[in-house]
Amino acid sequence: RTQDVYSIGQTPLKFLVQDRVDLARDVKVLDVRTAPSG
């Protein structure tokens, strides 16, 4: 019976809920890999 509340900007899942997503602008992209399988 506990509840912990955080600001949505402090969670790593904000890419799922924010209105506009631009990963190159919002976070620091380290690597992008593409496999032959797609």
PDB file of all heavy atoms in Angstrom:
ATOM      1  N   ARG A   1       0.836  -1.203   0.000  1.00  0.00           N
ATOM      2  CA  ARG A   1       0.000   0.000   0.000  1.00  0.00           C
ATOM      3  C   ARG A   1       0.875   1.259   0.000  1.00  0.00           C
ATOM      4  O   ARG A   1       0.654   2.209   0.754  1.00  0.00           O
ATOM      5  CB  ARG A   1      -0.942   0.020   1.211  1.00  0.00           C
ATOM      6  CG  ARG A   1      -1.955  -1.132   1.203  1.00  0.00           C
ATOM      7  CD  ARG A   1      -2.926  -1.040   2.348  1.00  0.00           C
ATOM      8  NE  ARG A   1      -3.901  -2.128   2.315  1.00  0.00           N
ATOM      9  CZ  ARG A   1      -4.889  -2.276   3.222  1.00  0.00           C
ATOM     10  NH1 ARG A   1      -4.999  -1.393   4.220  1.00  0.00           N
ATOM     11  NH2 ARG A   1      -5.732  -3.279   3.127  1.00  0.00           N
ATOM     12  N   THR A   2       1.839   1.252  -0.906  1.00  0.00           N
ATOM     13  CA  THR A   2       2.728   2.405  -1.067  1.00  0.00           C
ATOM     14  C   THR A   2       2.598   2.951  -2.471  1.00  0.00           C
ATOM     15  O   THR A   2       2.196   2.223  -3.395  1.00  0.00           O
ATOM     16  CB  THR A   2       4.187   2.028  -0.805  1.00  0.00           C
ATOM     17  OG1 THR A   2       4.580   1.006  -1.740  1.00  0.00           O
ATOM     18  CG2 THR A   2       4.376   1.509   0.614  1.00  0.00           C
ATOM     19  N   GLN A   3       2.954   4.236  -2.621  1.00  0.00           N
ATOM     20  CA  GLN A   3       2.923   4.879  -3.937  1.00  0.00           C
ATOM     21  C   GLN A   3       4.059   5.893  -4.003  1.00  0.00           C
ATOM     22  O   GLN A   3       4.111   6.827  -3.197  1.00  0.00           O
ATOM     23  CB  GLN A   3       1.571   5.568  -4.159  1.00  0.00           C
ATOM     24  CG  GLN A   3       1.493   6.348  -5.468  1.00  0.00           C
ATOM     25  CD  GLN A   3       0.116   6.888  -5.764  1.00  0.00           C
ATOM     26  OE1 GLN A   3      -0.786   6.129  -6.068  1.00  0.00           O
ATOM     27  NE2 GLN A   3      -0.045   8.214  -5.678  1.00  0.00           N
ATOM     28  N   ASP A   4       4.955   5.702  -5.006  1.00  0.00           N
ATOM     29  CA  ASP A   4       6.066   6.627  -5.238  1.00  0.00           C
ATOM     30  C   ASP A   4       5.788   7.386  -6.515  1.00  0.00           C
ATOM     31  O   ASP A   4       5.519   6.782  -7.550  1.00  0.00           O
ATOM     32  CB  ASP A   4       7.396   5.862  -5.347  1.00  0.00           C
ATOM     33  CG  ASP A   4       7.721   5.078  -4.084  1.00  0.00           C
ATOM     34  OD1 ASP A   4       7.378   5.562  -2.994  1.00  0.00           O
ATOM     35  OD2 ASP A   4       8.290   3.971  -4.202  1.00  0.00           O
ATOM     36  N   VAL A   5       5.864   8.720  -6.444  1.00  0.00           N
ATOM     37  CA  VAL A   5       5.528   9.574  -7.573  1.00  0.00           C
ATOM     38  C   VAL A   5       6.777  10.314  -8.039  1.00  0.00           C
ATOM     39  O   VAL A   5       7.517  10.886  -7.219  1.00  0.00           O
ATOM     40  CB  VAL A   5       4.412  10.566  -7.197  1.00  0.00           C
ATOM     41  CG1 VAL A   5       4.053  11.439  -8.397  1.00  0.00           C
ATOM     42  CG2 VAL A   5       3.164   9.837  -6.695  1.00  0.00           C
ATOM     43  N   TYR A   6       6.972  10.312  -9.414  1.00  0.00           N
ATOM     44  CA  TYR A   6       8.127  10.981 -10.003  1.00  0.00           C
ATOM     45  C   TYR A   6       7.638  11.829 -11.168  1.00  0.00           C
ATOM     46  O   TYR A   6       6.594  11.546 -11.782  1.00  0.00           O
ATOM     47  CB  TYR A   6       9.157   9.966 -10.507  1.00  0.00           C
ATOM     48  CG  TYR A   6       9.608   8.968  -9.448  1.00  0.00           C
ATOM     49  CD1 TYR A   6       9.009   7.700  -9.358  1.00  0.00           C
ATOM     50  CD2 TYR A   6      10.625   9.303  -8.575  1.00  0.00           C
ATOM     51  CE1 TYR A   6       9.428   6.803  -8.408  1.00  0.00           C
ATOM     52  CE2 TYR A   6      11.062   8.392  -7.618  1.00  0.00           C
ATOM     53  CZ  TYR A   6      10.448   7.148  -7.537  1.00  0.00           C
ATOM     54  OH  TYR A   6      10.863   6.253  -6.573  1.00  0.00           O
ATOM     55  N   SER A   7       8.414  12.828 -11.497  1.00  0.00           N
ATOM     56  CA  SER A   7       8.137  13.622 -12.688  1.00  0.00           C
ATOM     57  C   SER A   7       8.377  12.763 -13.923  1.00  0.00           C
ATOM     58  O   SER A   7       9.322  11.964 -13.967  1.00  0.00           O
ATOM     59  CB  SER A   7       9.032  14.863 -12.725  1.00  0.00           C
ATOM     60  OG  SER A   7       8.915  15.514 -13.971  1.00  0.00           O
ATOM     61  N   ILE A   8       7.516  12.927 -14.925  1.00  0.00           N
ATOM     62  CA  ILE A   8       7.641  12.085 -16.109  1.00  0.00           C
ATOM     63  C   ILE A   8       8.957  12.328 -16.832  1.00  0.00           C
ATOM     64  O   ILE A   8       9.483  11.432 -17.488  1.00  0.00           O
ATOM     65  CB  ILE A   8       6.439  12.317 -17.044  1.00  0.00           C
ATOM     66  CG1 ILE A   8       6.361  11.203 -18.096  1.00  0.00           C
ATOM     67  CG2 ILE A   8       6.522  13.689 -17.713  1.00  0.00           C
ATOM     68  CD1 ILE A   8       5.111  11.216 -18.925  1.00  0.00           C
ATOM     69  N   GLY A   9       9.528  13.548 -16.711  1.00  0.00           N
ATOM     70  CA  GLY A   9      10.822  13.817 -17.347  1.00  0.00           C
ATOM     71  C   GLY A   9      11.980  13.127 -16.670  1.00  0.00           C
ATOM     72  O   GLY A   9      13.086  13.078 -17.234  1.00  0.00           O
ATOM     73  N   GLN A  10      11.768  12.547 -15.456  1.00  0.00           N
ATOM     74  CA  GLN A  10      12.838  11.870 -14.729  1.00  0.00           C
ATOM     75  C   GLN A  10      12.853  10.362 -14.961  1.00  0.00           C
ATOM     76  O   GLN A  10      13.634   9.648 -14.333  1.00  0.00           O
ATOM     77  CB  GLN A  10      12.707  12.145 -13.215  1.00  0.00           C
ATOM     78  CG  GLN A  10      12.924  13.603 -12.821  1.00  0.00           C
ATOM     79  CD  GLN A  10      12.739  13.820 -11.337  1.00  0.00           C
ATOM     80  OE1 GLN A  10      11.771  13.347 -10.737  1.00  0.00           O
ATOM     81  NE2 GLN A  10      13.688  14.534 -10.724  1.00  0.00           N
ATOM     82  N   THR A  11      11.989   9.883 -15.820  1.00  0.00           N
ATOM     83  CA  THR A  11      11.921   8.447 -16.097  1.00  0.00           C
ATOM     84  C   THR A  11      12.505   8.154 -17.470  1.00  0.00           C
ATOM     85  O   THR A  11      12.433   8.985 -18.381  1.00  0.00           O
ATOM     86  CB  THR A  11      10.459   7.963 -16.063  1.00  0.00           C
ATOM     87  OG1 THR A  11       9.753   8.547 -17.140  1.00  0.00           O
ATOM     88  CG2 THR A  11       9.790   8.335 -14.751  1.00  0.00           C
ATOM     89  N   PRO A  12      13.122   6.991 -17.650  1.00  0.00           N
ATOM     90  CA  PRO A  12      13.700   6.646 -18.965  1.00  0.00           C
ATOM     91  C   PRO A  12      12.655   6.237 -20.001  1.00  0.00           C
ATOM     92  O   PRO A  12      13.016   5.943 -21.139  1.00  0.00           O
ATOM     93  CB  PRO A  12      14.631   5.477 -18.625  1.00  0.00           C
ATOM     94  CG  PRO A  12      14.029   4.847 -17.429  1.00  0.00           C
ATOM     95  CD  PRO A  12      13.392   5.952 -16.633  1.00  0.00           C
ATOM     96  N   LEU A  13      11.363   6.249 -19.631  1.00  0.00           N
ATOM     97  CA  LEU A  13      10.311   5.816 -20.559  1.00  0.00           C
ATOM     98  C   LEU A  13       9.565   6.985 -21.176  1.00  0.00           C
ATOM     99  O   LEU A  13       8.501   6.786 -21.770  1.00  0.00           O
ATOM    100  CB  LEU A  13       9.311   4.902 -19.815  1.00  0.00           C
ATOM    101  CG  LEU A  13       9.884   3.616 -19.218  1.00  0.00           C
ATOM    102  CD1 LEU A  13       8.798   2.819 -18.513  1.00  0.00           C
ATOM    103  CD2 LEU A  13      10.554   2.772 -20.290  1.00  0.00           C
ATOM    104  N   LYS A  14      10.110   8.186 -21.056  1.00  0.00           N
ATOM    105  CA  LYS A  14       9.387   9.327 -21.616  1.00  0.00           C
ATOM    106  C   LYS A  14       9.274   9.260 -23.133  1.00  0.00           C
ATOM    107  O   LYS A  14       8.398   9.901 -23.722  1.00  0.00           O
ATOM    108  CB  LYS A  14      10.047  10.640 -21.195  1.00  0.00           C
ATOM    109  CG  LYS A  14      11.515  10.753 -21.504  1.00  0.00           C
ATOM    110  CD  LYS A  14      12.045  12.102 -21.002  1.00  0.00           C
ATOM    111  CE  LYS A  14      13.567  12.209 -21.113  1.00  0.00           C
ATOM    112  NZ  LYS A  14      14.238  11.419 -20.065  1.00  0.00           N
ATOM    113  N   PHE A  15      10.116   8.463 -23.804  1.00  0.00           N
ATOM    114  CA  PHE A  15      10.005   8.345 -25.265  1.00  0.00           C
ATOM    115  C   PHE A  15       8.704   7.679 -25.678  1.00  0.00           C
ATOM    116  O   PHE A  15       8.280   7.767 -26.842  1.00  0.00           O
ATOM    117  CB  PHE A  15      11.213   7.579 -25.826  1.00  0.00           C
ATOM    118  CG  PHE A  15      11.273   6.137 -25.387  1.00  0.00           C
ATOM    119  CD1 PHE A  15      10.618   5.148 -26.094  1.00  0.00           C
ATOM    120  CD2 PHE A  15      12.002   5.774 -24.266  1.00  0.00           C
ATOM    121  CE1 PHE A  15      10.682   3.830 -25.701  1.00  0.00           C
ATOM    122  CE2 PHE A  15      12.080   4.454 -23.869  1.00  0.00           C
ATOM    123  CZ  PHE A  15      11.413   3.472 -24.582  1.00  0.00           C
ATOM    124  N   LEU A  16       8.047   6.975 -24.738  1.00  0.00           N
ATOM    125  CA  LEU A  16       6.789   6.321 -25.064  1.00  0.00           C
ATOM    126  C   LEU A  16       5.598   7.270 -25.002  1.00  0.00           C
ATOM    127  O   LEU A  16       4.584   7.017 -25.657  1.00  0.00           O
ATOM    128  CB  LEU A  16       6.537   5.145 -24.109  1.00  0.00           C
ATOM    129  CG  LEU A  16       7.370   3.876 -24.320  1.00  0.00           C
ATOM    130  CD1 LEU A  16       7.057   2.858 -23.235  1.00  0.00           C
ATOM    131  CD2 LEU A  16       7.120   3.272 -25.694  1.00  0.00           C
ATOM    132  N   VAL A  17       5.712   8.349 -24.202  1.00  0.00           N
ATOM    133  CA  VAL A  17       4.520   9.153 -23.926  1.00  0.00           C
ATOM    134  C   VAL A  17       4.627  10.603 -24.382  1.00  0.00           C
ATOM    135  O   VAL A  17       3.599  11.284 -24.451  1.00  0.00           O
ATOM    136  CB  VAL A  17       4.197   9.111 -22.414  1.00  0.00           C
ATOM    137  CG1 VAL A  17       3.797   7.704 -21.975  1.00  0.00           C
ATOM    138  CG2 VAL A  17       5.371   9.604 -21.593  1.00  0.00           C
ATOM    139  N   GLN A  18       5.823  11.114 -24.664  1.00  0.00           N
ATOM    140  CA  GLN A  18       5.895  12.515 -25.058  1.00  0.00           C
ATOM    141  C   GLN A  18       5.311  12.728 -26.445  1.00  0.00           C
ATOM    142  O   GLN A  18       5.277  11.804 -27.268  1.00  0.00           O
ATOM    143  CB  GLN A  18       7.335  13.030 -24.994  1.00  0.00           C
ATOM    144  CG  GLN A  18       8.288  12.387 -25.950  1.00  0.00           C
ATOM    145  CD  GLN A  18       9.736  12.792 -25.675  1.00  0.00           C
ATOM    146  OE1 GLN A  18      10.194  12.737 -24.521  1.00  0.00           O
ATOM    147  NE2 GLN A  18      10.454  13.199 -26.709  1.00  0.00           N
ATOM    148  N   ASP A  19       4.836  13.965 -26.704  1.00  0.00           N
ATOM    149  CA  ASP A  19       4.080  14.250 -27.912  1.00  0.00           C
ATOM    150  C   ASP A  19       4.930  14.103 -29.162  1.00  0.00           C
ATOM    151  O   ASP A  19       4.521  13.469 -30.137  1.00  0.00           O
ATOM    152  CB  ASP A  19       3.486  15.659 -27.817  1.00  0.00           C
ATOM    153  CG  ASP A  19       2.508  15.940 -28.936  1.00  0.00           C
ATOM    154  OD1 ASP A  19       2.005  14.961 -29.537  1.00  0.00           O
ATOM    155  OD2 ASP A  19       2.241  17.113 -29.233  1.00  0.00           O
ATOM    156  N   ARG A  20       6.100  14.701 -29.173  1.00  0.00           N
ATOM    157  CA  ARG A  20       7.007  14.621 -30.321  1.00  0.00           C
ATOM    158  C   ARG A  20       8.335  14.036 -29.865  1.00  0.00           C
ATOM    159  O   ARG A  20       8.897  14.452 -28.853  1.00  0.00           O
ATOM    160  CB  ARG A  20       7.245  15.993 -30.930  1.00  0.00           C
ATOM    161  CG  ARG A  20       5.995  16.672 -31.472  1.00  0.00           C
ATOM    162  CD  ARG A  20       5.303  15.862 -32.550  1.00  0.00           C
ATOM    163  NE  ARG A  20       6.188  15.602 -33.689  1.00  0.00           N
ATOM    164  CZ  ARG A  20       5.860  14.839 -34.730  1.00  0.00           C
ATOM    165  NH1 ARG A  20       4.696  14.212 -34.765  1.00  0.00           N
ATOM    166  NH2 ARG A  20       6.706  14.669 -35.740  1.00  0.00           N
ATOM    167  N   VAL A  21       8.820  13.050 -30.631  1.00  0.00           N
ATOM    168  CA  VAL A  21      10.053  12.334 -30.282  1.00  0.00           C
ATOM    169  C   VAL A  21      11.100  12.642 -31.346  1.00  0.00           C
ATOM    170  O   VAL A  21      10.849  12.481 -32.545  1.00  0.00           O
ATOM    171  CB  VAL A  21       9.814  10.811 -30.174  1.00  0.00           C
ATOM    172  CG1 VAL A  21      11.116  10.081 -29.880  1.00  0.00           C
ATOM    173  CG2 VAL A  21       8.759  10.494 -29.117  1.00  0.00           C
ATOM    174  N   ASP A  22      12.277  13.078 -30.862  1.00  0.00           N
ATOM    175  CA  ASP A  22      13.458  13.250 -31.725  1.00  0.00           C
ATOM    176  C   ASP A  22      14.648  12.794 -30.898  1.00  0.00           C
ATOM    177  O   ASP A  22      15.186  13.559 -30.090  1.00  0.00           O
ATOM    178  CB  ASP A  22      13.612  14.698 -32.177  1.00  0.00           C
ATOM    179  CG  ASP A  22      14.742  14.875 -33.199  1.00  0.00           C
ATOM    180  OD1 ASP A  22      15.530  13.914 -33.390  1.00  0.00           O
ATOM    181  OD2 ASP A  22      14.822  15.949 -33.813  1.00  0.00           O
ATOM    182  N   LEU A  23      15.022  11.522 -31.101  1.00  0.00           N
ATOM    183  CA  LEU A  23      16.050  10.953 -30.237  1.00  0.00           C
ATOM    184  C   LEU A  23      17.378  11.686 -30.385  1.00  0.00           C
ATOM    185  O   LEU A  23      18.112  11.829 -29.387  1.00  0.00           O
ATOM    186  CB  LEU A  23      16.229   9.457 -30.560  1.00  0.00           C
ATOM    187  CG  LEU A  23      15.009   8.561 -30.245  1.00  0.00           C
ATOM    188  CD1 LEU A  23      15.280   7.126 -30.692  1.00  0.00           C
ATOM    189  CD2 LEU A  23      14.662   8.591 -28.756  1.00  0.00           C
ATOM    190  N   ALA A  24      17.700  12.123 -31.566  1.00  0.00           N
ATOM    191  CA  ALA A  24      18.965  12.842 -31.750  1.00  0.00           C
ATOM    192  C   ALA A  24      18.974  14.155 -30.977  1.00  0.00           C
ATOM    193  O   ALA A  24      20.047  14.647 -30.577  1.00  0.00           O
ATOM    194  CB  ALA A  24      19.222  13.097 -33.221  1.00  0.00           C
ATOM    195  N   ARG A  25      17.833  14.761 -30.723  1.00  0.00           N
ATOM    196  CA  ARG A  25      17.745  16.013 -29.978  1.00  0.00           C
ATOM    197  C   ARG A  25      17.519  15.777 -28.489  1.00  0.00           C
ATOM    198  O   ARG A  25      18.092  16.481 -27.644  1.00  0.00           O
ATOM    199  CB  ARG A  25      16.578  16.855 -30.533  1.00  0.00           C
ATOM    200  CG  ARG A  25      16.330  18.187 -29.853  1.00  0.00           C
ATOM    201  CD  ARG A  25      14.950  18.715 -30.202  1.00  0.00           C
ATOM    202  NE  ARG A  25      13.898  17.797 -29.701  1.00  0.00           N
ATOM    203  CZ  ARG A  25      12.633  17.854 -30.093  1.00  0.00           C
ATOM    204  NH1 ARG A  25      12.259  18.724 -31.023  1.00  0.00           N
ATOM    205  NH2 ARG A  25      11.755  17.017 -29.581  1.00  0.00           N
ATOM    206  N   ASP A  26      16.700  14.806 -28.127  1.00  0.00           N
ATOM    207  CA  ASP A  26      16.272  14.647 -26.742  1.00  0.00           C
ATOM    208  C   ASP A  26      17.314  13.932 -25.879  1.00  0.00           C
ATOM    209  O   ASP A  26      17.389  14.165 -24.666  1.00  0.00           O
ATOM    210  CB  ASP A  26      14.954  13.875 -26.683  1.00  0.00           C
ATOM    211  CG  ASP A  26      13.837  14.574 -27.440  1.00  0.00           C
ATOM    212  OD1 ASP A  26      13.883  15.817 -27.563  1.00  0.00           O
ATOM    213  OD2 ASP A  26      12.912  13.866 -27.919  1.00  0.00           O
ATOM    214  N   VAL A  27      18.068  13.013 -26.455  1.00  0.00           N
ATOM    215  CA  VAL A  27      19.021  12.215 -25.684  1.00  0.00           C
ATOM    216  C   VAL A  27      20.341  12.190 -26.426  1.00  0.00           C
ATOM    217  O   VAL A  27      20.462  12.683 -27.555  1.00  0.00           O
ATOM    218  CB  VAL A  27      18.496  10.786 -25.459  1.00  0.00           C
ATOM    219  CG1 VAL A  27      17.257  10.796 -24.572  1.00  0.00           C
ATOM    220  CG2 VAL A  27      18.191  10.099 -26.792  1.00  0.00           C
ATOM    221  N   LYS A  28      21.290  11.545 -25.796  1.00  0.00           N
ATOM    222  CA  LYS A  28      22.608  11.391 -26.420  1.00  0.00           C
ATOM    223  C   LYS A  28      22.687  10.009 -27.058  1.00  0.00           C
ATOM    224  O   LYS A  28      22.774   8.991 -26.352  1.00  0.00           O
ATOM    225  CB  LYS A  28      23.702  11.562 -25.379  1.00  0.00           C
ATOM    226  CG  LYS A  28      25.115  11.466 -25.953  1.00  0.00           C
ATOM    227  CD  LYS A  28      26.168  11.631 -24.863  1.00  0.00           C
ATOM    228  CE  LYS A  28      27.583  11.506 -25.408  1.00  0.00           C
ATOM    229  NZ  LYS A  28      28.623  11.648 -24.345  1.00  0.00           N
ATOM    230  N   VAL A  29      22.642   9.989 -28.394  1.00  0.00           N
ATOM    231  CA  VAL A  29      22.688   8.713 -29.120  1.00  0.00           C
ATOM    232  C   VAL A  29      24.126   8.227 -29.156  1.00  0.00           C
ATOM    233  O   VAL A  29      25.024   8.920 -29.638  1.00  0.00           O
ATOM    234  CB  VAL A  29      22.117   8.857 -30.531  1.00  0.00           C
ATOM    235  CG1 VAL A  29      22.221   7.522 -31.274  1.00  0.00           C
ATOM    236  CG2 VAL A  29      20.665   9.322 -30.495  1.00  0.00           C
ATOM    237  N   LEU A  30      24.358   7.018 -28.673  1.00  0.00           N
ATOM    238  CA  LEU A  30      25.687   6.424 -28.647  1.00  0.00           C
ATOM    239  C   LEU A  30      25.953   5.568 -29.880  1.00  0.00           C
ATOM    240  O   LEU A  30      27.079   5.557 -30.394  1.00  0.00           O
ATOM    241  CB  LEU A  30      25.865   5.595 -27.377  1.00  0.00           C
ATOM    242  CG  LEU A  30      25.708   6.347 -26.043  1.00  0.00           C
ATOM    243  CD1 LEU A  30      25.851   5.374 -24.874  1.00  0.00           C
ATOM    244  CD2 LEU A  30      26.725   7.475 -25.944  1.00  0.00           C
ATOM    245  N   ASP A  31      24.963   4.824 -30.320  1.00  0.00           N
ATOM    246  CA  ASP A  31      25.195   3.920 -31.453  1.00  0.00           C
ATOM    247  C   ASP A  31      23.858   3.546 -32.075  1.00  0.00           C
ATOM    248  O   ASP A  31      22.818   3.473 -31.388  1.00  0.00           O
ATOM    249  CB  ASP A  31      25.930   2.674 -30.973  1.00  0.00           C
ATOM    250  CG  ASP A  31      26.529   1.854 -32.114  1.00  0.00           C
ATOM    251  OD1 ASP A  31      26.462   2.328 -33.267  1.00  0.00           O
ATOM    252  OD2 ASP A  31      27.044   0.746 -31.855  1.00  0.00           O
ATOM    253  N   VAL A  32      23.887   3.292 -33.381  1.00  0.00           N
ATOM    254  CA  VAL A  32      22.725   2.775 -34.119  1.00  0.00           C
ATOM    255  C   VAL A  32      23.217   1.590 -34.929  1.00  0.00           C
ATOM    256  O   VAL A  32      24.101   1.735 -35.788  1.00  0.00           O
ATOM    257  CB  VAL A  32      22.109   3.847 -35.038  1.00  0.00           C
ATOM    258  CG1 VAL A  32      20.932   3.243 -35.804  1.00  0.00           C
ATOM    259  CG2 VAL A  32      21.674   5.068 -34.252  1.00  0.00           C
ATOM    260  N   ARG A  33      22.668   0.422 -34.705  1.00  0.00           N
ATOM    261  CA  ARG A  33      23.081  -0.807 -35.386  1.00  0.00           C
ATOM    262  C   ARG A  33      21.900  -1.382 -36.157  1.00  0.00           C
ATOM    263  O   ARG A  33      20.775  -1.416 -35.654  1.00  0.00           O
ATOM    264  CB  ARG A  33      23.571  -1.850 -34.372  1.00  0.00           C
ATOM    265  CG  ARG A  33      24.700  -1.358 -33.468  1.00  0.00           C
ATOM    266  CD  ARG A  33      24.945  -2.356 -32.347  1.00  0.00           C
ATOM    267  NE  ARG A  33      25.962  -1.875 -31.398  1.00  0.00           N
ATOM    268  CZ  ARG A  33      26.227  -2.477 -30.230  1.00  0.00           C
ATOM    269  NH1 ARG A  33      25.571  -3.596 -29.891  1.00  0.00           N
ATOM    270  NH2 ARG A  33      27.157  -1.962 -29.432  1.00  0.00           N
ATOM    271  N   THR A  34      22.229  -1.840 -37.349  1.00  0.00           N
ATOM    272  CA  THR A  34      21.201  -2.462 -38.195  1.00  0.00           C
ATOM    273  C   THR A  34      21.696  -3.824 -38.640  1.00  0.00           C
ATOM    274  O   THR A  34      22.759  -3.935 -39.268  1.00  0.00           O
ATOM    275  CB  THR A  34      20.894  -1.597 -39.423  1.00  0.00           C
ATOM    276  OG1 THR A  34      20.493  -0.291 -38.996  1.00  0.00           O
ATOM    277  CG2 THR A  34      19.786  -2.219 -40.254  1.00  0.00           C
ATOM    278  N   ALA A  35      20.935  -4.863 -38.318  1.00  0.00           N
ATOM    279  CA  ALA A  35      21.279  -6.229 -38.714  1.00  0.00           C
ATOM    280  C   ALA A  35      20.667  -6.549 -40.065  1.00  0.00           C
ATOM    281  O   ALA A  35      19.673  -5.933 -40.486  1.00  0.00           O
ATOM    282  CB  ALA A  35      20.787  -7.208 -37.660  1.00  0.00           C
ATOM    283  N   PRO A  36      21.256  -7.524 -40.794  1.00  0.00           N
ATOM    284  CA  PRO A  36      20.656  -7.926 -42.082  1.00  0.00           C
ATOM    285  C   PRO A  36      19.211  -8.375 -41.961  1.00  0.00           C
ATOM    286  O   PRO A  36      18.436  -8.286 -42.923  1.00  0.00           O
ATOM    287  CB  PRO A  36      21.570  -9.051 -42.557  1.00  0.00           C
ATOM    288  CG  PRO A  36      22.874  -8.803 -41.873  1.00  0.00           C
ATOM    289  CD  PRO A  36      22.520  -8.234 -40.529  1.00  0.00           C
ATOM    290  N   SER A  37      18.831  -8.860 -40.790  1.00  0.00           N
ATOM    291  CA  SER A  37      17.440  -9.299 -40.593  1.00  0.00           C
ATOM    292  C   SER A  37      16.471  -8.130 -40.481  1.00  0.00           C
ATOM    293  O   SER A  37      15.246  -8.343 -40.457  1.00  0.00           O
ATOM    294  CB  SER A  37      17.346 -10.158 -39.334  1.00  0.00           C
ATOM    295  OG  SER A  37      17.731  -9.407 -38.190  1.00  0.00           O
ATOM    296  N   GLY A  38      16.983  -6.903 -40.390  1.00  0.00           N
ATOM    297  CA  GLY A  38      16.113  -5.742 -40.274  1.00  0.00           C
ATOM    298  C   GLY A  38      15.952  -5.237 -38.862  1.00  0.00           C
ATOM    299  O   GLY A  38      15.223  -4.260 -38.630  1.00  0.00           O
TER     300      GLY A  38
END
